[in-house]
């Protein structure tokens, strides 16, 4: 009998060491929100990272240092890749 451990899924995404927003490798962190409904907060502009979370229906996103800093500063920057 196989037993699944869904709580380990974020760990495997983190160990992949890939930013889920722009695909860059290395120096990743996990950003977490309380609820997906928080992303629909009045006046909140849907950004690239919020779209990734909403499309995947996940309250976490694995992001590189640059993206994670941008999430917390809420300041848009151009993607690292063209």
PDB file of N, CA and C in Angstrom:
ATOM      1  N   UNK A   1       0.845  -1.189   0.000  1.00  0.00           N
ATOM      2  CA  UNK A   1       0.000   0.000   0.000  1.00  0.00           C
ATOM      3  C   UNK A   1       0.887   1.248   0.000  1.00  0.00           C
ATOM      4  N   UNK A   2       0.586   2.188  -0.901  1.00  0.00           N
ATOM      5  CA  UNK A   2       1.353   3.426  -1.003  1.00  0.00           C
ATOM      6  C   UNK A   2       0.711   4.505  -0.136  1.00  0.00           C
ATOM      7  N   UNK A   3       1.551   5.237   0.579  1.00  0.00           N
ATOM      8  CA  UNK A   3       1.067   6.336   1.406  1.00  0.00           C
ATOM      9  C   UNK A   3       1.649   7.631   0.850  1.00  0.00           C
ATOM     10  N   UNK A   4       0.776   8.585   0.528  1.00  0.00           N
ATOM     11  CA  UNK A   4       1.234   9.888   0.041  1.00  0.00           C
ATOM     12  C   UNK A   4       1.350  10.853   1.211  1.00  0.00           C
ATOM     13  N   UNK A   5       2.341  11.720   1.118  1.00  0.00           N
ATOM     14  CA  UNK A   5       2.550  12.743   2.127  1.00  0.00           C
ATOM     15  C   UNK A   5       2.506  14.106   1.448  1.00  0.00           C
ATOM     16  N   UNK A   6       1.306  14.676   1.267  1.00  0.00           N
ATOM     17  CA  UNK A   6       1.199  15.937   0.535  1.00  0.00           C
ATOM     18  C   UNK A   6       1.950  17.086   1.208  1.00  0.00           C
ATOM     19  N   UNK A   7       2.203  16.998   2.496  1.00  0.00           N
ATOM     20  CA  UNK A   7       2.930  18.060   3.181  1.00  0.00           C
ATOM     21  C   UNK A   7       4.379  18.126   2.726  1.00  0.00           C
ATOM     22  N   UNK A   8       4.893  17.085   2.070  1.00  0.00           N
ATOM     23  CA  UNK A   8       6.272  17.088   1.591  1.00  0.00           C
ATOM     24  C   UNK A   8       6.400  17.683   0.194  1.00  0.00           C
ATOM     25  N   UNK A   9       5.291  17.956  -0.473  1.00  0.00           N
ATOM     26  CA  UNK A   9       5.311  18.495  -1.817  1.00  0.00           C
ATOM     27  C   UNK A   9       6.059  19.832  -1.883  1.00  0.00           C
ATOM     28  N   UNK A  10       5.849  20.775  -0.969  1.00  0.00           N
ATOM     29  CA  UNK A  10       6.633  22.027  -1.025  1.00  0.00           C
ATOM     30  C   UNK A  10       8.129  21.788  -0.866  1.00  0.00           C
ATOM     31  N   UNK A  11       8.495  20.777  -0.123  1.00  0.00           N
ATOM     32  CA  UNK A  11       9.912  20.473   0.062  1.00  0.00           C
ATOM     33  C   UNK A  11      10.535  20.030  -1.257  1.00  0.00           C
ATOM     34  N   UNK A  12       9.846  19.181  -2.004  1.00  0.00           N
ATOM     35  CA  UNK A  12      10.388  18.729  -3.285  1.00  0.00           C
ATOM     36  C   UNK A  12      10.470  19.892  -4.274  1.00  0.00           C
ATOM     37  N   UNK A  13       9.517  20.825  -4.228  1.00  0.00           N
ATOM     38  CA  UNK A  13       9.583  22.003  -5.093  1.00  0.00           C
ATOM     39  C   UNK A  13      10.758  22.888  -4.709  1.00  0.00           C
ATOM     40  N   UNK A  14      11.028  23.013  -3.435  1.00  0.00           N
ATOM     41  CA  UNK A  14      12.162  23.816  -2.961  1.00  0.00           C
ATOM     42  C   UNK A  14      13.483  23.157  -3.353  1.00  0.00           C
ATOM     43  N   UNK A  15      13.554  21.836  -3.212  1.00  0.00           N
ATOM     44  CA  UNK A  15      14.781  21.116  -3.562  1.00  0.00           C
ATOM     45  C   UNK A  15      15.075  21.144  -5.059  1.00  0.00           C
ATOM     46  N   UNK A  16      14.072  21.420  -5.874  1.00  0.00           N
ATOM     47  CA  UNK A  16      14.294  21.548  -7.319  1.00  0.00           C
ATOM     48  C   UNK A  16      15.155  22.776  -7.619  1.00  0.00           C
ATOM     49  N   UNK A  17      15.241  23.715  -6.666  1.00  0.00           N
ATOM     50  CA  UNK A  17      16.130  24.882  -6.746  1.00  0.00           C
ATOM     51  C   UNK A  17      15.868  25.739  -7.985  1.00  0.00           C
ATOM     52  N   UNK A  18      14.572  25.867  -8.352  1.00  0.00           N
ATOM     53  CA  UNK A  18      14.182  26.631  -9.531  1.00  0.00           C
ATOM     54  C   UNK A  18      13.070  27.607  -9.173  1.00  0.00           C
ATOM     55  N   UNK A  19      13.239  28.851  -9.567  1.00  0.00           N
ATOM     56  CA  UNK A  19      12.220  29.875  -9.343  1.00  0.00           C
ATOM     57  C   UNK A  19      10.991  29.527 -10.182  1.00  0.00           C
ATOM     58  N   UNK A  20       9.834  29.435  -9.553  1.00  0.00           N
ATOM     59  CA  UNK A  20       8.607  29.084 -10.266  1.00  0.00           C
ATOM     60  C   UNK A  20       8.001  30.291 -10.984  1.00  0.00           C
ATOM     61  N   UNK A  21       8.572  31.458 -10.807  1.00  0.00           N
ATOM     62  CA  UNK A  21       8.048  32.654 -11.459  1.00  0.00           C
ATOM     63  C   UNK A  21       8.740  32.876 -12.802  1.00  0.00           C
ATOM     64  N   UNK A  22      10.083  32.896 -12.795  1.00  0.00           N
ATOM     65  CA  UNK A  22      10.829  33.155 -14.029  1.00  0.00           C
ATOM     66  C   UNK A  22      11.752  32.015 -14.432  1.00  0.00           C
ATOM     67  N   UNK A  23      11.869  30.957 -13.617  1.00  0.00           N
ATOM     68  CA  UNK A  23      12.633  29.783 -14.012  1.00  0.00           C
ATOM     69  C   UNK A  23      14.124  29.844 -13.743  1.00  0.00           C
ATOM     70  N   UNK A  24      14.594  30.879 -13.057  1.00  0.00           N
ATOM     71  CA  UNK A  24      16.028  30.945 -12.766  1.00  0.00           C
ATOM     72  C   UNK A  24      16.407  29.878 -11.747  1.00  0.00           C
ATOM     73  N   UNK A  25      17.662  29.497 -11.747  1.00  0.00           N
ATOM     74  CA  UNK A  25      18.153  28.434 -10.861  1.00  0.00           C
ATOM     75  C   UNK A  25      18.937  29.028  -9.696  1.00  0.00           C
ATOM     76  N   UNK A  26      18.845  28.383  -8.535  1.00  0.00           N
ATOM     77  CA  UNK A  26      19.661  28.727  -7.374  1.00  0.00           C
ATOM     78  C   UNK A  26      19.078  29.799  -6.484  1.00  0.00           C
ATOM     79  N   UNK A  27      19.502  29.763  -5.225  1.00  0.00           N
ATOM     80  CA  UNK A  27      19.115  30.751  -4.213  1.00  0.00           C
ATOM     81  C   UNK A  27      17.610  30.974  -4.144  1.00  0.00           C
ATOM     82  N   UNK A  28      16.852  29.904  -3.993  1.00  0.00           N
ATOM     83  CA  UNK A  28      15.401  30.026  -3.931  1.00  0.00           C
ATOM     84  C   UNK A  28      14.902  30.014  -2.496  1.00  0.00           C
ATOM     85  N   UNK A  29      13.729  30.605  -2.316  1.00  0.00           N
ATOM     86  CA  UNK A  29      13.044  30.658  -1.033  1.00  0.00           C
ATOM     87  C   UNK A  29      11.570  30.380  -1.299  1.00  0.00           C
ATOM     88  N   UNK A  30      10.841  30.062  -0.239  1.00  0.00           N
ATOM     89  CA  UNK A  30       9.413  29.834  -0.390  1.00  0.00           C
ATOM     90  C   UNK A  30       8.660  31.041   0.151  1.00  0.00           C
ATOM     91  N   UNK A  31       7.768  31.590  -0.677  1.00  0.00           N
ATOM     92  CA  UNK A  31       6.877  32.663  -0.229  1.00  0.00           C
ATOM     93  C   UNK A  31       5.531  32.028   0.063  1.00  0.00           C
ATOM     94  N   UNK A  32       4.910  32.419   1.172  1.00  0.00           N
ATOM     95  CA  UNK A  32       3.668  31.809   1.631  1.00  0.00           C
ATOM     96  C   UNK A  32       2.653  32.890   1.954  1.00  0.00           C
ATOM     97  N   UNK A  33       1.397  32.630   1.612  1.00  0.00           N
ATOM     98  CA  UNK A  33       0.309  33.513   2.007  1.00  0.00           C
ATOM     99  C   UNK A  33      -0.678  32.709   2.841  1.00  0.00           C
ATOM    100  N   UNK A  34      -1.514  33.402   3.596  1.00  0.00           N
ATOM    101  CA  UNK A  34      -2.481  32.695   4.454  1.00  0.00           C
ATOM    102  C   UNK A  34      -3.575  32.007   3.652  1.00  0.00           C
ATOM    103  N   UNK A  35      -4.069  32.697   2.628  1.00  0.00           N
ATOM    104  CA  UNK A  35      -5.158  32.132   1.828  1.00  0.00           C
ATOM    105  C   UNK A  35      -5.099  32.699   0.418  1.00  0.00           C
ATOM    106  N   UNK A  36      -5.515  31.908  -0.552  1.00  0.00           N
ATOM    107  CA  UNK A  36      -5.547  32.388  -1.928  1.00  0.00           C
ATOM    108  C   UNK A  36      -6.475  33.585  -2.066  1.00  0.00           C
ATOM    109  N   UNK A  37      -7.494  33.643  -1.237  1.00  0.00           N
ATOM    110  CA  UNK A  37      -8.421  34.777  -1.276  1.00  0.00           C
ATOM    111  C   UNK A  37      -7.703  36.084  -0.956  1.00  0.00           C
ATOM    112  N   UNK A  38      -6.586  36.016  -0.223  1.00  0.00           N
ATOM    113  CA  UNK A  38      -5.812  37.229   0.081  1.00  0.00           C
ATOM    114  C   UNK A  38      -5.295  37.892  -1.195  1.00  0.00           C
ATOM    115  N   UNK A  39      -5.072  37.111  -2.245  1.00  0.00           N
ATOM    116  CA  UNK A  39      -4.571  37.656  -3.502  1.00  0.00           C
ATOM    117  C   UNK A  39      -5.629  38.482  -4.220  1.00  0.00           C
ATOM    118  N   UNK A  40      -6.879  38.263  -3.890  1.00  0.00           N
ATOM    119  CA  UNK A  40      -7.978  38.993  -4.521  1.00  0.00           C
ATOM    120  C   UNK A  40      -8.361  40.232  -3.703  1.00  0.00           C
ATOM    121  N   UNK A  41      -7.515  40.616  -2.774  1.00  0.00           N
ATOM    122  CA  UNK A  41      -7.776  41.771  -1.916  1.00  0.00           C
ATOM    123  C   UNK A  41      -8.076  43.005  -2.765  1.00  0.00           C
ATOM    124  N   UNK A  42      -9.037  43.781  -2.339  1.00  0.00           N
ATOM    125  CA  UNK A  42      -9.430  44.979  -3.084  1.00  0.00           C
ATOM    126  C   UNK A  42      -8.228  45.900  -3.298  1.00  0.00           C
ATOM    127  N   UNK A  43      -8.033  46.313  -4.529  1.00  0.00           N
ATOM    128  CA  UNK A  43      -6.948  47.214  -4.852  1.00  0.00           C
ATOM    129  C   UNK A  43      -5.624  46.530  -5.136  1.00  0.00           C
ATOM    130  N   UNK A  44      -5.552  45.222  -4.978  1.00  0.00           N
ATOM    131  CA  UNK A  44      -4.311  44.484  -5.209  1.00  0.00           C
ATOM    132  C   UNK A  44      -4.203  44.182  -6.697  1.00  0.00           C
ATOM    133  N   UNK A  45      -3.124  44.591  -7.316  1.00  0.00           N
ATOM    134  CA  UNK A  45      -2.929  44.311  -8.726  1.00  0.00           C
ATOM    135  C   UNK A  45      -2.350  42.908  -8.886  1.00  0.00           C
ATOM    136  N   UNK A  46      -2.942  42.140  -9.791  1.00  0.00           N
ATOM    137  CA  UNK A  46      -2.446  40.793 -10.025  1.00  0.00           C
ATOM    138  C   UNK A  46      -1.084  40.881 -10.692  1.00  0.00           C
ATOM    139  N   UNK A  47      -0.084  40.326 -10.031  1.00  0.00           N
ATOM    140  CA  UNK A  47       1.276  40.357 -10.551  1.00  0.00           C
ATOM    141  C   UNK A  47       1.657  38.975 -11.060  1.00  0.00           C
ATOM    142  N   UNK A  48       2.872  38.872 -11.596  1.00  0.00           N
ATOM    143  CA  UNK A  48       3.333  37.595 -12.136  1.00  0.00           C
ATOM    144  C   UNK A  48       3.340  36.506 -11.072  1.00  0.00           C
ATOM    145  N   UNK A  49       3.825  36.816  -9.871  1.00  0.00           N
ATOM    146  CA  UNK A  49       3.884  35.801  -8.815  1.00  0.00           C
ATOM    147  C   UNK A  49       2.489  35.428  -8.330  1.00  0.00           C
ATOM    148  N   UNK A  50       1.584  36.389  -8.253  1.00  0.00           N
ATOM    149  CA  UNK A  50       0.217  36.088  -7.813  1.00  0.00           C
ATOM    150  C   UNK A  50      -0.480  35.205  -8.840  1.00  0.00           C
ATOM    151  N   UNK A  51      -0.239  35.480 -10.133  1.00  0.00           N
ATOM    152  CA  UNK A  51      -0.828  34.648 -11.182  1.00  0.00           C
ATOM    153  C   UNK A  51      -0.339  33.211 -11.097  1.00  0.00           C
ATOM    154  N   UNK A  52       0.951  33.021 -10.795  1.00  0.00           N
ATOM    155  CA  UNK A  52       1.498  31.665 -10.653  1.00  0.00           C
ATOM    156  C   UNK A  52       0.783  30.942  -9.520  1.00  0.00           C
ATOM    157  N   UNK A  53       0.605  31.619  -8.408  1.00  0.00           N
ATOM    158  CA  UNK A  53      -0.051  30.996  -7.259  1.00  0.00           C
ATOM    159  C   UNK A  53      -1.513  30.683  -7.557  1.00  0.00           C
ATOM    160  N   UNK A  54      -2.211  31.618  -8.184  1.00  0.00           N
ATOM    161  CA  UNK A  54      -3.621  31.406  -8.508  1.00  0.00           C
ATOM    162  C   UNK A  54      -3.799  30.288  -9.533  1.00  0.00           C
ATOM    163  N   UNK A  55      -2.964  30.273 -10.571  1.00  0.00           N
ATOM    164  CA  UNK A  55      -3.076  29.235 -11.604  1.00  0.00           C
ATOM    165  C   UNK A  55      -2.805  27.846 -11.046  1.00  0.00           C
ATOM    166  N   UNK A  56      -1.871  27.751 -10.115  1.00  0.00           N
ATOM    167  CA  UNK A  56      -1.529  26.451  -9.529  1.00  0.00           C
ATOM    168  C   UNK A  56      -2.374  26.110  -8.312  1.00  0.00           C
ATOM    169  N   UNK A  57      -3.180  27.072  -7.876  1.00  0.00           N
ATOM    170  CA  UNK A  57      -4.036  26.917  -6.687  1.00  0.00           C
ATOM    171  C   UNK A  57      -3.204  26.495  -5.481  1.00  0.00           C
ATOM    172  N   UNK A  58      -2.119  27.248  -5.265  1.00  0.00           N
ATOM    173  CA  UNK A  58      -1.212  26.969  -4.147  1.00  0.00           C
ATOM    174  C   UNK A  58      -0.996  28.227  -3.338  1.00  0.00           C
ATOM    175  N   UNK A  59      -0.847  28.044  -2.048  1.00  0.00           N
ATOM    176  CA  UNK A  59      -0.579  29.169  -1.159  1.00  0.00           C
ATOM    177  C   UNK A  59       0.910  29.432  -1.025  1.00  0.00           C
ATOM    178  N   UNK A  60       1.725  28.676  -1.746  1.00  0.00           N
ATOM    179  CA  UNK A  60       3.169  28.875  -1.715  1.00  0.00           C
ATOM    180  C   UNK A  60       3.694  29.000  -3.130  1.00  0.00           C
ATOM    181  N   UNK A  61       4.809  29.726  -3.251  1.00  0.00           N
ATOM    182  CA  UNK A  61       5.515  29.810  -4.520  1.00  0.00           C
ATOM    183  C   UNK A  61       7.005  29.799  -4.190  1.00  0.00           C
ATOM    184  N   UNK A  62       7.765  29.007  -4.945  1.00  0.00           N
ATOM    185  CA  UNK A  62       9.214  28.974  -4.783  1.00  0.00           C
ATOM    186  C   UNK A  62       9.768  30.080  -5.680  1.00  0.00           C
ATOM    187  N   UNK A  63      10.507  31.006  -5.062  1.00  0.00           N
ATOM    188  CA  UNK A  63      10.993  32.174  -5.792  1.00  0.00           C
ATOM    189  C   UNK A  63      12.476  32.393  -5.532  1.00  0.00           C
ATOM    190  N   UNK A  64      13.180  32.895  -6.554  1.00  0.00           N
ATOM    191  CA  UNK A  64      14.583  33.259  -6.373  1.00  0.00           C
ATOM    192  C   UNK A  64      14.646  34.475  -5.436  1.00  0.00           C
ATOM    193  N   UNK A  65      15.842  34.796  -4.972  1.00  0.00           N
ATOM    194  CA  UNK A  65      16.008  35.929  -4.054  1.00  0.00           C
ATOM    195  C   UNK A  65      15.439  37.218  -4.644  1.00  0.00           C
ATOM    196  N   UNK A  66      15.708  37.457  -5.922  1.00  0.00           N
ATOM    197  CA  UNK A  66      15.248  38.685  -6.574  1.00  0.00           C
ATOM    198  C   UNK A  66      13.727  38.770  -6.585  1.00  0.00           C
ATOM    199  N   UNK A  67      13.083  37.683  -6.997  1.00  0.00           N
ATOM    200  CA  UNK A  67      11.615  37.665  -7.043  1.00  0.00           C
ATOM    201  C   UNK A  67      11.024  37.771  -5.646  1.00  0.00           C
ATOM    202  N   UNK A  68      11.618  37.088  -4.681  1.00  0.00           N
ATOM    203  CA  UNK A  68      11.087  37.120  -3.323  1.00  0.00           C
ATOM    204  C   UNK A  68      11.198  38.532  -2.740  1.00  0.00           C
ATOM    205  N   UNK A  69      12.315  39.188  -2.985  1.00  0.00           N
ATOM    206  CA  UNK A  69      12.462  40.577  -2.532  1.00  0.00           C
ATOM    207  C   UNK A  69      11.422  41.475  -3.202  1.00  0.00           C
ATOM    208  N   UNK A  70      11.194  41.244  -4.496  1.00  0.00           N
ATOM    209  CA  UNK A  70      10.217  42.042  -5.243  1.00  0.00           C
ATOM    210  C   UNK A  70       8.804  41.820  -4.708  1.00  0.00           C
ATOM    211  N   UNK A  71       8.486  40.584  -4.335  1.00  0.00           N
ATOM    212  CA  UNK A  71       7.170  40.292  -3.766  1.00  0.00           C
ATOM    213  C   UNK A  71       6.950  41.133  -2.518  1.00  0.00           C
ATOM    214  N   UNK A  72       7.957  41.183  -1.662  1.00  0.00           N
ATOM    215  CA  UNK A  72       7.803  41.906  -0.402  1.00  0.00           C
ATOM    216  C   UNK A  72       7.876  43.420  -0.575  1.00  0.00           C
ATOM    217  N   UNK A  73       8.559  43.882  -1.610  1.00  0.00           N
ATOM    218  CA  UNK A  73       8.640  45.327  -1.820  1.00  0.00           C
ATOM    219  C   UNK A  73       7.495  45.832  -2.703  1.00  0.00           C
ATOM    220  N   UNK A  74       6.786  44.889  -3.365  1.00  0.00           N
ATOM    221  CA  UNK A  74       5.674  45.197  -4.265  1.00  0.00           C
ATOM    222  C   UNK A  74       6.059  46.194  -5.340  1.00  0.00           C
ATOM    223  N   UNK A  75       7.269  46.059  -5.834  1.00  0.00           N
ATOM    224  CA  UNK A  75       7.738  46.966  -6.871  1.00  0.00           C
ATOM    225  C   UNK A  75       8.072  46.128  -8.095  1.00  0.00           C
ATOM    226  N   UNK A  76       7.430  46.423  -9.225  1.00  0.00           N
ATOM    227  CA  UNK A  76       7.672  45.613 -10.419  1.00  0.00           C
ATOM    228  C   UNK A  76       9.077  45.821 -10.987  1.00  0.00           C
ATOM    229  N   UNK A  77       9.672  44.715 -11.431  1.00  0.00           N
ATOM    230  CA  UNK A  77      10.956  44.765 -12.121  1.00  0.00           C
ATOM    231  C   UNK A  77      10.846  43.923 -13.374  1.00  0.00           C
ATOM    232  N   UNK A  78      11.725  44.166 -14.319  1.00  0.00           N
ATOM    233  CA  UNK A  78      11.712  43.368 -15.543  1.00  0.00           C
ATOM    234  C   UNK A  78      12.247  41.974 -15.244  1.00  0.00           C
ATOM    235  N   UNK A  79      11.744  40.958 -15.926  1.00  0.00           N
ATOM    236  CA  UNK A  79      12.260  39.602 -15.733  1.00  0.00           C
ATOM    237  C   UNK A  79      13.732  39.536 -16.128  1.00  0.00           C
ATOM    238  N   UNK A  80      14.452  38.599 -15.507  1.00  0.00           N
ATOM    239  CA  UNK A  80      15.873  38.438 -15.783  1.00  0.00           C
ATOM    240  C   UNK A  80      16.121  37.866 -17.158  1.00  0.00           C
ATOM    241  N   UNK A  81      15.135  37.164 -17.700  1.00  0.00           N
ATOM    242  CA  UNK A  81      15.300  36.564 -19.022  1.00  0.00           C
ATOM    243  C   UNK A  81      14.473  37.355 -20.035  1.00  0.00           C
ATOM    244  N   UNK A  82      14.959  37.489 -21.259  1.00  0.00           N
ATOM    245  CA  UNK A  82      14.212  38.270 -22.275  1.00  0.00           C
ATOM    246  C   UNK A  82      12.932  37.602 -22.697  1.00  0.00           C
TER     247      UNK A  82
END
